C-alpha atoms as a PDB file:
ATOM      1  CA  GLN A   1      -8.529  -2.581  -2.844  1.00  0.00           C
ATOM      2  CA  VAL A   2      -6.857   0.300  -1.053  1.00  0.00           C
ATOM      3  CA  GLN A   3      -8.639   3.558  -0.345  1.00  0.00           C
ATOM      4  CA  LEU A   4      -6.561   6.746   0.243  1.00  0.00           C
ATOM      5  CA  VAL A   5      -8.125   9.944   1.473  1.00  0.00           C
ATOM      6  CA  GLU A   6      -6.061  13.145   1.629  1.00  0.00           C
ATOM      7  CA  SER A   7      -6.905  16.160   3.815  1.00  0.00           C
ATOM      8  CA  GLY A   8      -5.277  19.312   5.134  1.00  0.00           C
ATOM      9  CA  GLY A   9      -4.895  21.371   1.944  1.00  0.00           C
ATOM     10  CA  GLY A  10      -5.870  25.031   1.764  1.00  0.00           C
ATOM     11  CA  LEU A  11      -4.812  28.574   1.074  1.00  0.00           C
ATOM     12  CA  VAL A  12      -1.684  29.907   2.792  1.00  0.00           C
ATOM     13  CA  GLN A  13       0.610  32.823   2.312  1.00  0.00           C
ATOM     14  CA  ALA A  14       4.194  32.394   1.207  1.00  0.00           C
ATOM     15  CA  GLY A  15       6.371  31.398   4.096  1.00  0.00           C
ATOM     16  CA  GLY A  16       3.518  29.643   5.901  1.00  0.00           C
ATOM     17  CA  SER A  17       2.953  26.050   6.767  1.00  0.00           C
ATOM     18  CA  LEU A  18       0.444  23.244   6.130  1.00  0.00           C
ATOM     19  CA  ARG A  19       0.247  19.630   7.205  1.00  0.00           C
ATOM     20  CA  LEU A  20      -1.334  17.151   4.863  1.00  0.00           C
ATOM     21  CA  SER A  21      -2.731  13.796   5.972  1.00  0.00           C
ATOM     22  CA  CYS A  22      -3.470  10.665   4.041  1.00  0.00           C
ATOM     23  CA  ALA A  23      -5.587   7.962   5.648  1.00  0.00           C
ATOM     24  CA  ALA A  24      -5.333   4.529   4.127  1.00  0.00           C
ATOM     25  CA  SER A  25      -8.031   1.869   4.468  1.00  0.00           C
ATOM     26  CA  GLY A  26      -9.010  -1.410   2.927  1.00  0.00           C
ATOM     27  CA  ARG A  27      -6.242  -3.842   2.000  1.00  0.00           C
ATOM     28  CA  THR A  28      -3.139  -1.986   3.083  1.00  0.00           C
ATOM     29  CA  PHE A  29       0.270  -3.313   2.162  1.00  0.00           C
ATOM     30  CA  SER A  30       2.706  -3.234   5.020  1.00  0.00           C
ATOM     31  CA  SER A  31       5.684  -3.845   2.742  1.00  0.00           C
ATOM     32  CA  ASN A  32       5.007  -0.866   0.474  1.00  0.00           C
ATOM     33  CA  PRO A  33       6.168   2.623   0.844  1.00  0.00           C
ATOM     34  CA  MET A  34       3.782   5.540   0.826  1.00  0.00           C
ATOM     35  CA  GLY A  35       4.442   8.717  -1.095  1.00  0.00           C
ATOM     36  CA  TRP A  36       3.262  12.153  -1.877  1.00  0.00           C
ATOM     37  CA  PHE A  37       3.076  13.556  -5.429  1.00  0.00           C
ATOM     38  CA  ARG A  38       1.774  16.887  -6.769  1.00  0.00           C
ATOM     39  CA  GLN A  39       0.432  18.287 -10.030  1.00  0.00           C
ATOM     40  CA  ALA A  40       0.386  22.025 -10.800  1.00  0.00           C
ATOM     41  CA  PRO A  41      -1.812  23.425 -13.516  1.00  0.00           C
ATOM     42  CA  GLY A  42      -0.492  22.642 -16.948  1.00  0.00           C
ATOM     43  CA  LYS A  43       2.281  20.484 -15.574  1.00  0.00           C
ATOM     44  CA  GLU A  44       2.832  16.730 -15.203  1.00  0.00           C
ATOM     45  CA  ARG A  45       2.457  15.041 -11.868  1.00  0.00           C
ATOM     46  CA  GLU A  46       5.762  14.985  -9.976  1.00  0.00           C
ATOM     47  CA  PHE A  47       7.227  13.130  -7.047  1.00  0.00           C
ATOM     48  CA  VAL A  48       7.444  15.011  -3.723  1.00  0.00           C
ATOM     49  CA  ALA A  49       8.377  12.574  -0.969  1.00  0.00           C
ATOM     50  CA  ALA A  50       8.171   8.963   0.067  1.00  0.00           C
ATOM     51  CA  ILE A  51       8.654   6.849   3.217  1.00  0.00           C
ATOM     52  CA  VAL A  52       9.062   3.189   3.727  1.00  0.00           C
ATOM     53  CA  TRP A  53       6.660   1.323   6.019  1.00  0.00           C
ATOM     54  CA  SER A  54       9.029   1.254   8.958  1.00  0.00           C
ATOM     55  CA  GLY A  55       9.645   4.894   8.609  1.00  0.00           C
ATOM     56  CA  SER A  56      13.376   4.279   8.692  1.00  0.00           C
ATOM     57  CA  SER A  57      14.002   5.672   5.170  1.00  0.00           C
ATOM     58  CA  THR A  58      12.677   8.677   3.360  1.00  0.00           C
ATOM     59  CA  ALA A  59      13.189  10.405   0.057  1.00  0.00           C
ATOM     60  CA  TYR A  60      12.498  13.904  -1.173  1.00  0.00           C
ATOM     61  CA  ALA A  61      12.468  15.870  -4.331  1.00  0.00           C
ATOM     62  CA  GLU A  62      15.246  18.405  -4.442  1.00  0.00           C
ATOM     63  CA  SER A  63      12.772  21.271  -4.628  1.00  0.00           C
ATOM     64  CA  VAL A  64      11.277  20.458  -1.205  1.00  0.00           C
ATOM     65  CA  LYS A  65      14.345  19.167   0.756  1.00  0.00           C
ATOM     66  CA  GLY A  66      14.756  20.994   3.981  1.00  0.00           C
ATOM     67  CA  ARG A  67      11.239  22.368   3.873  1.00  0.00           C
ATOM     68  CA  PHE A  68       8.957  19.328   3.735  1.00  0.00           C
ATOM     69  CA  THR A  69       8.923  16.357   6.173  1.00  0.00           C
ATOM     70  CA  ILE A  70       7.177  13.048   5.496  1.00  0.00           C
ATOM     71  CA  SER A  71       6.130  10.811   8.365  1.00  0.00           C
ATOM     72  CA  ARG A  72       3.718   8.008   9.122  1.00  0.00           C
ATOM     73  CA  ASP A  73       1.675   6.537  11.918  1.00  0.00           C
ATOM     74  CA  ASN A  74       1.156   2.877  11.117  1.00  0.00           C
ATOM     75  CA  ASN A  75      -1.274   2.449  13.999  1.00  0.00           C
ATOM     76  CA  LYS A  76      -3.546   4.866  12.212  1.00  0.00           C
ATOM     77  CA  ASN A  77      -2.557   3.831   8.646  1.00  0.00           C
ATOM     78  CA  THR A  78      -1.861   7.489   7.994  1.00  0.00           C
ATOM     79  CA  VAL A  79       0.987   9.311   6.310  1.00  0.00           C
ATOM     80  CA  TYR A  80       1.702  13.004   6.801  1.00  0.00           C
ATOM     81  CA  LEU A  81       3.461  15.701   4.913  1.00  0.00           C
ATOM     82  CA  GLN A  82       4.536  18.700   6.950  1.00  0.00           C
ATOM     83  CA  MET A  83       5.178  21.593   4.609  1.00  0.00           C
ATOM     84  CA  ASN A  84       7.086  24.592   5.929  1.00  0.00           C
ATOM     85  CA  SER A  85       8.403  27.756   4.226  1.00  0.00           C
ATOM     86  CA  LEU A  86       5.902  27.311   1.471  1.00  0.00           C
ATOM     87  CA  LYS A  87       6.494  29.077  -1.857  1.00  0.00           C
ATOM     88  CA  PRO A  88       4.037  30.058  -4.618  1.00  0.00           C
ATOM     89  CA  GLU A  89       5.579  27.368  -6.849  1.00  0.00           C
ATOM     90  CA  ASP A  90       4.387  24.724  -4.337  1.00  0.00           C
ATOM     91  CA  THR A  91       0.859  25.438  -5.467  1.00  0.00           C
ATOM     92  CA  ALA A  92      -0.587  22.225  -6.746  1.00  0.00           C
ATOM     93  CA  VAL A  93      -3.008  19.397  -6.125  1.00  0.00           C
ATOM     94  CA  TYR A  94      -1.261  16.994  -3.718  1.00  0.00           C
ATOM     95  CA  TYR A  95      -1.866  13.287  -3.950  1.00  0.00           C
ATOM     96  CA  CYS A  96      -0.818  10.341  -1.779  1.00  0.00           C
ATOM     97  CA  SER A  97      -0.063   6.959  -3.262  1.00  0.00           C
ATOM     98  CA  THR A  98       0.992   3.442  -2.350  1.00  0.00           C
ATOM     99  CA  GLY A  99       1.469   0.059  -3.956  1.00  0.00           C
ATOM    100  CA  ASP A 100       4.244  -1.872  -5.627  1.00  0.00           C
ATOM    101  CA  THR A 101       4.343   0.626  -8.519  1.00  0.00           C
ATOM    102  CA  TRP A 102       2.279   3.415  -7.037  1.00  0.00           C
ATOM    103  CA  ASP A 103      -0.895   1.645  -8.039  1.00  0.00           C
ATOM    104  CA  TYR A 104      -3.254   3.337  -5.672  1.00  0.00           C
ATOM    105  CA  TRP A 105      -4.056   7.066  -5.513  1.00  0.00           C
ATOM    106  CA  GLY A 106      -6.155   9.371  -3.473  1.00  0.00           C
ATOM    107  CA  GLN A 107      -8.426  12.024  -4.886  1.00  0.00           C
ATOM    108  CA  GLY A 108      -5.970  14.853  -4.057  1.00  0.00           C
ATOM    109  CA  THR A 109      -6.066  17.955  -1.941  1.00  0.00           C
ATOM    110  CA  GLN A 110      -5.506  21.492  -3.236  1.00  0.00           C
ATOM    111  CA  VAL A 111      -2.680  23.546  -1.844  1.00  0.00           C
ATOM    112  CA  THR A 112      -2.524  27.164  -2.851  1.00  0.00           C
ATOM    113  CA  VAL A 113       0.319  29.433  -1.759  1.00  0.00           C
ATOM    114  CA  SER A 114      -0.188  33.166  -2.311  1.00  0.00           C
ATOM    115  CA  SER A 115       2.676  35.581  -2.760  1.00  0.00           C
END
């Protein structure tokens, strides 16, 4: 089993920044990417960003390109999401995930961006 614990969410004004962290423990999969997803009230969960284990390749949703940066520290089994220039539409619960088909999920951390 893999346990994922997110942290770093909170309330921030539009234009501000937050840094989310996701610590993985248990049986971690070195060959699997790690990713961030989010779910806003009344909407489906959507992809935000992902990074391969080596960190050499990343992917982003169009809506966050140029504003969010995903990174990882494999020594700490932790993935980060640096979020800059936040907008009210970024308000959501943010989840990290890993596994062959995104099998494992954290409990989520709330991000609220006020206008």
